[in-house]
Amino acid sequence: MAQSNISIRMDDNLKKDFTIVCDNLGLNVSAMVTILAKKMVREQRIPFEVSVDPFYTEANIAALKQSMAEMKGGKTISKTMRELEAMENE
């Protein structure tokens, strides 16, 4: 059977951690990716749950944009931890 190379880009830290997990399982990265590909082809689906990070909801992004606008408009108050702790003890 002919074989092909696949080249992917991945964050350096993720690659390092992924390689460690593969090594701990007695596999190399190539074997792990092949296992994933075979399972996806066999099952015709992503073999694990994929979900959206709730941080990126429309409501949260809108709240972040509003906070940034308030900061840029000078509508915020800055306090040090010492000042906040002092206010807490009043």
PDB file of N, CA and C in Angstrom:
ATOM      1  N   MET A   1       0.855  -1.179   0.000  1.00  0.00           N
ATOM      2  CA  MET A   1       0.000   0.000   0.000  1.00  0.00           C
ATOM      3  C   MET A   1       0.900   1.241   0.000  1.00  0.00           C
ATOM      4  N   ALA A   2       0.611   2.173  -0.907  1.00  0.00           N
ATOM      5  CA  ALA A   2       1.388   3.417  -0.977  1.00  0.00           C
ATOM      6  C   ALA A   2       1.090   4.282   0.242  1.00  0.00           C
ATOM      7  N   GLN A   3       2.062   5.044   0.677  1.00  0.00           N
ATOM      8  CA  GLN A   3       1.882   5.920   1.818  1.00  0.00           C
ATOM      9  C   GLN A   3       2.151   7.360   1.416  1.00  0.00           C
ATOM     10  N   SER A   4       1.504   8.275   2.140  1.00  0.00           N
ATOM     11  CA  SER A   4       1.664   9.708   1.890  1.00  0.00           C
ATOM     12  C   SER A   4       2.100  10.397   3.166  1.00  0.00           C
ATOM     13  N   ASN A   5       2.785  11.498   3.005  1.00  0.00           N
ATOM     14  CA  ASN A   5       3.163  12.336   4.140  1.00  0.00           C
ATOM     15  C   ASN A   5       2.102  13.400   4.354  1.00  0.00           C
ATOM     16  N   ILE A   6       1.871  13.741   5.609  1.00  0.00           N
ATOM     17  CA  ILE A   6       0.979  14.831   5.982  1.00  0.00           C
ATOM     18  C   ILE A   6       1.789  15.785   6.842  1.00  0.00           C
ATOM     19  N   SER A   7       1.708  17.056   6.551  1.00  0.00           N
ATOM     20  CA  SER A   7       2.409  18.068   7.329  1.00  0.00           C
ATOM     21  C   SER A   7       1.372  18.947   8.018  1.00  0.00           C
ATOM     22  N   ILE A   8       1.488  19.108   9.337  1.00  0.00           N
ATOM     23  CA  ILE A   8       0.557  19.958  10.080  1.00  0.00           C
ATOM     24  C   ILE A   8       1.343  20.945  10.933  1.00  0.00           C
ATOM     25  N   ARG A   9       0.699  22.067  11.233  1.00  0.00           N
ATOM     26  CA  ARG A   9       1.293  23.044  12.143  1.00  0.00           C
ATOM     27  C   ARG A   9       0.602  22.904  13.493  1.00  0.00           C
ATOM     28  N   MET A  10       1.412  22.984  14.549  1.00  0.00           N
ATOM     29  CA  MET A  10       0.890  22.816  15.894  1.00  0.00           C
ATOM     30  C   MET A  10       1.738  23.651  16.846  1.00  0.00           C
ATOM     31  N   ASP A  11       1.112  24.216  17.849  1.00  0.00           N
ATOM     32  CA  ASP A  11       1.821  24.946  18.893  1.00  0.00           C
ATOM     33  C   ASP A  11       2.927  24.056  19.470  1.00  0.00           C
ATOM     34  N   ASP A  12       4.095  24.627  19.696  1.00  0.00           N
ATOM     35  CA  ASP A  12       5.245  23.855  20.190  1.00  0.00           C
ATOM     36  C   ASP A  12       4.932  23.126  21.500  1.00  0.00           C
ATOM     37  N   ASN A  13       4.289  23.818  22.444  1.00  0.00           N
ATOM     38  CA  ASN A  13       3.984  23.186  23.727  1.00  0.00           C
ATOM     39  C   ASN A  13       2.972  22.051  23.572  1.00  0.00           C
ATOM     40  N   LEU A  14       1.978  22.251  22.710  1.00  0.00           N
ATOM     41  CA  LEU A  14       0.991  21.189  22.464  1.00  0.00           C
ATOM     42  C   LEU A  14       1.674  19.980  21.844  1.00  0.00           C
ATOM     43  N   LYS A  15       2.562  20.217  20.878  1.00  0.00           N
ATOM     44  CA  LYS A  15       3.288  19.103  20.243  1.00  0.00           C
ATOM     45  C   LYS A  15       4.105  18.335  21.271  1.00  0.00           C
ATOM     46  N   LYS A  16       4.786  19.057  22.150  1.00  0.00           N
ATOM     47  CA  LYS A  16       5.605  18.410  23.179  1.00  0.00           C
ATOM     48  C   LYS A  16       4.724  17.548  24.087  1.00  0.00           C
ATOM     49  N   ASP A  17       3.611  18.123  24.564  1.00  0.00           N
ATOM     50  CA  ASP A  17       2.707  17.385  25.459  1.00  0.00           C
ATOM     51  C   ASP A  17       2.069  16.192  24.745  1.00  0.00           C
ATOM     52  N   PHE A  18       1.679  16.393  23.464  1.00  0.00           N
ATOM     53  CA  PHE A  18       1.080  15.316  22.680  1.00  0.00           C
ATOM     54  C   PHE A  18       2.071  14.173  22.495  1.00  0.00           C
ATOM     55  N   THR A  19       3.316  14.519  22.211  1.00  0.00           N
ATOM     56  CA  THR A  19       4.358  13.512  22.028  1.00  0.00           C
ATOM     57  C   THR A  19       4.586  12.727  23.313  1.00  0.00           C
ATOM     58  N   ILE A  20       4.555  13.411  24.440  1.00  0.00           N
ATOM     59  CA  ILE A  20       4.736  12.728  25.734  1.00  0.00           C
ATOM     60  C   ILE A  20       3.614  11.730  25.975  1.00  0.00           C
ATOM     61  N   VAL A  21       2.372  12.144  25.714  1.00  0.00           N
ATOM     62  CA  VAL A  21       1.232  11.237  25.902  1.00  0.00           C
ATOM     63  C   VAL A  21       1.361  10.035  24.973  1.00  0.00           C
ATOM     64  N   CYS A  22       1.708  10.291  23.706  1.00  0.00           N
ATOM     65  CA  CYS A  22       1.883   9.187  22.759  1.00  0.00           C
ATOM     66  C   CYS A  22       2.969   8.228  23.242  1.00  0.00           C
ATOM     67  N   ASP A  23       4.107   8.783  23.684  1.00  0.00           N
ATOM     68  CA  ASP A  23       5.197   7.946  24.201  1.00  0.00           C
ATOM     69  C   ASP A  23       4.729   7.108  25.386  1.00  0.00           C
ATOM     70  N   ASN A  24       3.966   7.726  26.289  1.00  0.00           N
ATOM     71  CA  ASN A  24       3.460   6.993  27.459  1.00  0.00           C
ATOM     72  C   ASN A  24       2.521   5.857  27.066  1.00  0.00           C
ATOM     73  N   LEU A  25       1.873   6.009  25.914  1.00  0.00           N
ATOM     74  CA  LEU A  25       0.982   4.963  25.408  1.00  0.00           C
ATOM     75  C   LEU A  25       1.722   3.952  24.535  1.00  0.00           C
ATOM     76  N   GLY A  26       3.019   4.154  24.364  1.00  0.00           N
ATOM     77  CA  GLY A  26       3.814   3.242  23.541  1.00  0.00           C
ATOM     78  C   GLY A  26       3.636   3.485  22.052  1.00  0.00           C
ATOM     79  N   LEU A  27       3.237   4.694  21.682  1.00  0.00           N
ATOM     80  CA  LEU A  27       3.010   5.045  20.279  1.00  0.00           C
ATOM     81  C   LEU A  27       3.872   6.230  19.892  1.00  0.00           C
ATOM     82  N   ASN A  28       4.053   6.407  18.592  1.00  0.00           N
ATOM     83  CA  ASN A  28       4.642   7.658  18.138  1.00  0.00           C
ATOM     84  C   ASN A  28       3.518   8.526  17.574  1.00  0.00           C
ATOM     85  N   VAL A  29       3.826   9.777  17.286  1.00  0.00           N
ATOM     86  CA  VAL A  29       2.805  10.715  16.817  1.00  0.00           C
ATOM     87  C   VAL A  29       2.177  10.225  15.519  1.00  0.00           C
ATOM     88  N   SER A  30       2.971   9.710  14.612  1.00  0.00           N
ATOM     89  CA  SER A  30       2.459   9.220  13.337  1.00  0.00           C
ATOM     90  C   SER A  30       1.443   8.097  13.540  1.00  0.00           C
ATOM     91  N   ALA A  31       1.756   7.152  14.428  1.00  0.00           N
ATOM     92  CA  ALA A  31       0.844   6.044  14.697  1.00  0.00           C
ATOM     93  C   ALA A  31      -0.463   6.555  15.315  1.00  0.00           C
ATOM     94  N   MET A  32      -0.352   7.537  16.204  1.00  0.00           N
ATOM     95  CA  MET A  32      -1.549   8.075  16.851  1.00  0.00           C
ATOM     96  C   MET A  32      -2.454   8.766  15.838  1.00  0.00           C
ATOM     97  N   VAL A  33      -1.867   9.559  14.938  1.00  0.00           N
ATOM     98  CA  VAL A  33      -2.662  10.241  13.919  1.00  0.00           C
ATOM     99  C   VAL A  33      -3.301   9.209  12.985  1.00  0.00           C
ATOM    100  N   THR A  34      -2.585   8.139  12.661  1.00  0.00           N
ATOM    101  CA  THR A  34      -3.135   7.070  11.823  1.00  0.00           C
ATOM    102  C   THR A  34      -4.320   6.398  12.511  1.00  0.00           C
ATOM    103  N   ILE A  35      -4.199   6.155  13.815  1.00  0.00           N
ATOM    104  CA  ILE A  35      -5.313   5.574  14.576  1.00  0.00           C
ATOM    105  C   ILE A  35      -6.528   6.483  14.509  1.00  0.00           C
ATOM    106  N   LEU A  36      -6.315   7.791  14.704  1.00  0.00           N
ATOM    107  CA  LEU A  36      -7.412   8.751  14.628  1.00  0.00           C
ATOM    108  C   LEU A  36      -8.057   8.725  13.242  1.00  0.00           C
ATOM    109  N   ALA A  37      -7.241   8.749  12.189  1.00  0.00           N
ATOM    110  CA  ALA A  37      -7.768   8.754  10.826  1.00  0.00           C
ATOM    111  C   ALA A  37      -8.578   7.493  10.539  1.00  0.00           C
ATOM    112  N   LYS A  38      -8.070   6.327  10.942  1.00  0.00           N
ATOM    113  CA  LYS A  38      -8.796   5.068  10.707  1.00  0.00           C
ATOM    114  C   LYS A  38     -10.127   5.042  11.447  1.00  0.00           C
ATOM    115  N   LYS A  39     -10.132   5.532  12.679  1.00  0.00           N
ATOM    116  CA  LYS A  39     -11.373   5.547  13.461  1.00  0.00           C
ATOM    117  C   LYS A  39     -12.393   6.493  12.831  1.00  0.00           C
ATOM    118  N   MET A  40     -11.937   7.655  12.368  1.00  0.00           N
ATOM    119  CA  MET A  40     -12.850   8.602  11.722  1.00  0.00           C
ATOM    120  C   MET A  40     -13.432   8.019  10.438  1.00  0.00           C
ATOM    121  N   VAL A  41     -12.600   7.362   9.643  1.00  0.00           N
ATOM    122  CA  VAL A  41     -13.080   6.763   8.395  1.00  0.00           C
ATOM    123  C   VAL A  41     -14.065   5.633   8.693  1.00  0.00           C
ATOM    124  N   ARG A  42     -13.740   4.807   9.662  1.00  0.00           N
ATOM    125  CA  ARG A  42     -14.601   3.679  10.006  1.00  0.00           C
ATOM    126  C   ARG A  42     -15.951   4.137  10.545  1.00  0.00           C
ATOM    127  N   GLU A  43     -15.943   5.158  11.428  1.00  0.00           N
ATOM    128  CA  GLU A  43     -17.172   5.594  12.089  1.00  0.00           C
ATOM    129  C   GLU A  43     -17.857   6.759  11.372  1.00  0.00           C
ATOM    130  N   GLN A  44     -17.153   7.392  10.414  1.00  0.00           N
ATOM    131  CA  GLN A  44     -17.698   8.538   9.676  1.00  0.00           C
ATOM    132  C   GLN A  44     -18.123   9.669  10.612  1.00  0.00           C
ATOM    133  N   ARG A  45     -17.294   9.914  11.614  1.00  0.00           N
ATOM    134  CA  ARG A  45     -17.564  10.988  12.573  1.00  0.00           C
ATOM    135  C   ARG A  45     -16.272  11.313  13.306  1.00  0.00           C
ATOM    136  N   ILE A  46     -16.284  12.452  14.009  1.00  0.00           N
ATOM    137  CA  ILE A  46     -15.180  12.761  14.917  1.00  0.00           C
ATOM    138  C   ILE A  46     -15.388  11.892  16.148  1.00  0.00           C
ATOM    139  N   PRO A  47     -14.422  11.097  16.542  1.00  0.00           N
ATOM    140  CA  PRO A  47     -14.644  10.102  17.597  1.00  0.00           C
ATOM    141  C   PRO A  47     -14.578  10.639  19.034  1.00  0.00           C
ATOM    142  N   PHE A  48     -14.859  11.897  19.191  1.00  0.00           N
ATOM    143  CA  PHE A  48     -14.928  12.497  20.522  1.00  0.00           C
ATOM    144  C   PHE A  48     -15.789  13.736  20.420  1.00  0.00           C
ATOM    145  N   GLU A  49     -16.235  14.238  21.565  1.00  0.00           N
ATOM    146  CA  GLU A  49     -17.091  15.414  21.582  1.00  0.00           C
ATOM    147  C   GLU A  49     -16.292  16.669  21.254  1.00  0.00           C
ATOM    148  N   VAL A  50     -16.844  17.505  20.403  1.00  0.00           N
ATOM    149  CA  VAL A  50     -16.245  18.788  20.070  1.00  0.00           C
ATOM    150  C   VAL A  50     -17.239  19.851  20.498  1.00  0.00           C
ATOM    151  N   SER A  51     -16.784  20.795  21.304  1.00  0.00           N
ATOM    152  CA  SER A  51     -17.697  21.829  21.784  1.00  0.00           C
ATOM    153  C   SER A  51     -17.020  23.189  21.689  1.00  0.00           C
ATOM    154  N   VAL A  52     -17.835  24.208  21.777  1.00  0.00           N
ATOM    155  CA  VAL A  52     -17.355  25.582  21.702  1.00  0.00           C
ATOM    156  C   VAL A  52     -17.013  26.059  23.108  1.00  0.00           C
ATOM    157  N   ASP A  53     -15.881  26.753  23.229  1.00  0.00           N
ATOM    158  CA  ASP A  53     -15.488  27.331  24.505  1.00  0.00           C
ATOM    159  C   ASP A  53     -16.505  28.404  24.884  1.00  0.00           C
ATOM    160  N   PRO A  54     -17.173  28.282  26.044  1.00  0.00           N
ATOM    161  CA  PRO A  54     -18.201  29.256  26.419  1.00  0.00           C
ATOM    162  C   PRO A  54     -17.665  30.676  26.571  1.00  0.00           C
ATOM    163  N   PHE A  55     -16.370  30.832  26.663  1.00  0.00           N
ATOM    164  CA  PHE A  55     -15.781  32.168  26.761  1.00  0.00           C
ATOM    165  C   PHE A  55     -16.134  33.005  25.532  1.00  0.00           C
ATOM    166  N   TYR A  56     -16.273  32.350  24.386  1.00  0.00           N
ATOM    167  CA  TYR A  56     -16.474  33.064  23.129  1.00  0.00           C
ATOM    168  C   TYR A  56     -17.947  33.203  22.735  1.00  0.00           C
ATOM    169  N   THR A  57     -18.859  33.170  23.694  1.00  0.00           N
ATOM    170  CA  THR A  57     -20.265  33.396  23.378  1.00  0.00           C
ATOM    171  C   THR A  57     -20.456  34.854  22.967  1.00  0.00           C
ATOM    172  N   GLU A  58     -21.512  35.109  22.192  1.00  0.00           N
ATOM    173  CA  GLU A  58     -21.778  36.475  21.744  1.00  0.00           C
ATOM    174  C   GLU A  58     -21.963  37.419  22.929  1.00  0.00           C
ATOM    175  N   ALA A  59     -22.662  36.959  23.967  1.00  0.00           N
ATOM    176  CA  ALA A  59     -22.920  37.808  25.129  1.00  0.00           C
ATOM    177  C   ALA A  59     -21.615  38.164  25.848  1.00  0.00           C
ATOM    178  N   ASN A  60     -20.712  37.206  25.979  1.00  0.00           N
ATOM    179  CA  ASN A  60     -19.449  37.466  26.661  1.00  0.00           C
ATOM    180  C   ASN A  60     -18.572  38.403  25.844  1.00  0.00           C
ATOM    181  N   ILE A  61     -18.524  38.194  24.543  1.00  0.00           N
ATOM    182  CA  ILE A  61     -17.735  39.076  23.684  1.00  0.00           C
ATOM    183  C   ILE A  61     -18.286  40.498  23.757  1.00  0.00           C
ATOM    184  N   ALA A  62     -19.621  40.646  23.754  1.00  0.00           N
ATOM    185  CA  ALA A  62     -20.230  41.976  23.856  1.00  0.00           C
ATOM    186  C   ALA A  62     -19.862  42.630  25.188  1.00  0.00           C
ATOM    187  N   ALA A  63     -19.897  41.856  26.279  1.00  0.00           N
ATOM    188  CA  ALA A  63     -19.543  42.393  27.598  1.00  0.00           C
ATOM    189  C   ALA A  63     -18.071  42.820  27.622  1.00  0.00           C
ATOM    190  N   LEU A  64     -17.204  42.028  27.015  1.00  0.00           N
ATOM    191  CA  LEU A  64     -15.785  42.380  26.964  1.00  0.00           C
ATOM    192  C   LEU A  64     -15.564  43.661  26.160  1.00  0.00           C
ATOM    193  N   LYS A  65     -16.256  43.781  25.025  1.00  0.00           N
ATOM    194  CA  LYS A  65     -16.128  44.995  24.209  1.00  0.00           C
ATOM    195  C   LYS A  65     -16.620  46.221  24.974  1.00  0.00           C
ATOM    196  N   GLN A  66     -17.710  46.053  25.728  1.00  0.00           N
ATOM    197  CA  GLN A  66     -18.229  47.169  26.526  1.00  0.00           C
ATOM    198  C   GLN A  66     -17.225  47.562  27.604  1.00  0.00           C
ATOM    199  N   SER A  67     -16.650  46.592  28.267  1.00  0.00           N
ATOM    200  CA  SER A  67     -15.644  46.880  29.299  1.00  0.00           C
ATOM    201  C   SER A  67     -14.434  47.588  28.710  1.00  0.00           C
ATOM    202  N   MET A  68     -14.004  47.147  27.519  1.00  0.00           N
ATOM    203  CA  MET A  68     -12.859  47.780  26.879  1.00  0.00           C
ATOM    204  C   MET A  68     -13.180  49.227  26.504  1.00  0.00           C
ATOM    205  N   ALA A  69     -14.404  49.462  26.021  1.00  0.00           N
ATOM    206  CA  ALA A  69     -14.814  50.826  25.667  1.00  0.00           C
ATOM    207  C   ALA A  69     -14.843  51.713  26.906  1.00  0.00           C
ATOM    208  N   GLU A  70     -15.330  51.160  28.031  1.00  0.00           N
ATOM    209  CA  GLU A  70     -15.357  51.926  29.283  1.00  0.00           C
ATOM    210  C   GLU A  70     -13.943  52.261  29.738  1.00  0.00           C
ATOM    211  N   MET A  71     -13.041  51.309  29.607  1.00  0.00           N
ATOM    212  CA  MET A  71     -11.650  51.558  30.000  1.00  0.00           C
ATOM    213  C   MET A  71     -11.038  52.635  29.118  1.00  0.00           C
ATOM    214  N   LYS A  72     -11.258  52.533  27.804  1.00  0.00           N
ATOM    215  CA  LYS A  72     -10.701  53.525  26.876  1.00  0.00           C
ATOM    216  C   LYS A  72     -11.308  54.905  27.102  1.00  0.00           C
ATOM    217  N   GLY A  73     -12.566  54.934  27.545  1.00  0.00           N
ATOM    218  CA  GLY A  73     -13.249  56.198  27.797  1.00  0.00           C
ATOM    219  C   GLY A  73     -12.990  56.766  29.175  1.00  0.00           C
ATOM    220  N   GLY A  74     -12.137  56.120  29.949  1.00  0.00           N
ATOM    221  CA  GLY A  74     -11.800  56.610  31.283  1.00  0.00           C
ATOM    222  C   GLY A  74     -12.918  56.444  32.291  1.00  0.00           C
ATOM    223  N   LYS A  75     -13.805  55.487  32.074  1.00  0.00           N
ATOM    224  CA  LYS A  75     -14.941  55.290  32.963  1.00  0.00           C
ATOM    225  C   LYS A  75     -14.706  54.163  33.968  1.00  0.00           C
ATOM    226  N   THR A  76     -13.461  53.918  34.293  1.00  0.00           N
ATOM    227  CA  THR A  76     -13.139  52.876  35.267  1.00  0.00           C
ATOM    228  C   THR A  76     -12.312  53.462  36.399  1.00  0.00           C
ATOM    229  N   ILE A  77     -12.283  52.754  37.504  1.00  0.00           N
ATOM    230  CA  ILE A  77     -11.496  53.157  38.661  1.00  0.00           C
ATOM    231  C   ILE A  77     -10.472  52.061  38.918  1.00  0.00           C
ATOM    232  N   SER A  78      -9.235  52.460  39.140  1.00  0.00           N
ATOM    233  CA  SER A  78      -8.183  51.490  39.417  1.00  0.00           C
ATOM    234  C   SER A  78      -7.829  51.527  40.896  1.00  0.00           C
ATOM    235  N   LYS A  79      -7.695  50.364  41.491  1.00  0.00           N
ATOM    236  CA  LYS A  79      -7.284  50.230  42.884  1.00  0.00           C
ATOM    237  C   LYS A  79      -6.210  49.153  42.972  1.00  0.00           C
ATOM    238  N   THR A  80      -5.281  49.339  43.892  1.00  0.00           N
ATOM    239  CA  THR A  80      -4.288  48.304  44.152  1.00  0.00           C
ATOM    240  C   THR A  80      -4.921  47.268  45.077  1.00  0.00           C
ATOM    241  N   MET A  81      -4.290  46.122  45.194  1.00  0.00           N
ATOM    242  CA  MET A  81      -4.792  45.094  46.120  1.00  0.00           C
ATOM    243  C   MET A  81      -4.800  45.628  47.548  1.00  0.00           C
ATOM    244  N   ARG A  82      -3.794  46.387  47.898  1.00  0.00           N
ATOM    245  CA  ARG A  82      -3.714  46.959  49.249  1.00  0.00           C
ATOM    246  C   ARG A  82      -4.914  47.874  49.501  1.00  0.00           C
ATOM    247  N   GLU A  83      -5.249  48.711  48.499  1.00  0.00           N
ATOM    248  CA  GLU A  83      -6.402  49.612  48.649  1.00  0.00           C
ATOM    249  C   GLU A  83      -7.706  48.827  48.759  1.00  0.00           C
ATOM    250  N   LEU A  84      -7.836  47.776  47.945  1.00  0.00           N
ATOM    251  CA  LEU A  84      -9.058  46.964  48.028  1.00  0.00           C
ATOM    252  C   LEU A  84      -9.181  46.256  49.376  1.00  0.00           C
ATOM    253  N   GLU A  85      -8.069  45.739  49.868  1.00  0.00           N
ATOM    254  CA  GLU A  85      -8.085  45.071  51.174  1.00  0.00           C
ATOM    255  C   GLU A  85      -8.417  46.058  52.291  1.00  0.00           C
ATOM    256  N   ALA A  86      -7.903  47.277  52.172  1.00  0.00           N
ATOM    257  CA  ALA A  86      -8.205  48.310  53.171  1.00  0.00           C
ATOM    258  C   ALA A  86      -9.696  48.653  53.144  1.00  0.00           C
ATOM    259  N   MET A  87     -10.283  48.729  51.962  1.00  0.00           N
ATOM    260  CA  MET A  87     -11.710  49.016  51.844  1.00  0.00           C
ATOM    261  C   MET A  87     -12.534  47.888  52.449  1.00  0.00           C
ATOM    262  N   GLU A  88     -12.060  46.674  52.314  1.00  0.00           N
ATOM    263  CA  GLU A  88     -12.750  45.502  52.839  1.00  0.00           C
ATOM    264  C   GLU A  88     -12.804  45.529  54.359  1.00  0.00           C
ATOM    265  N   ASN A  89     -11.773  46.090  54.992  1.00  0.00           N
ATOM    266  CA  ASN A  89     -11.669  46.116  56.447  1.00  0.00           C
ATOM    267  C   ASN A  89     -12.365  47.336  57.063  1.00  0.00           C
ATOM    268  N   GLU A  90     -12.895  48.232  56.248  1.00  0.00           N
ATOM    269  CA  GLU A  90     -13.554  49.433  56.779  1.00  0.00           C
ATOM    270  C   GLU A  90     -14.913  49.117  57.346  1.00  0.00           C
TER     271      GLU A  90
END
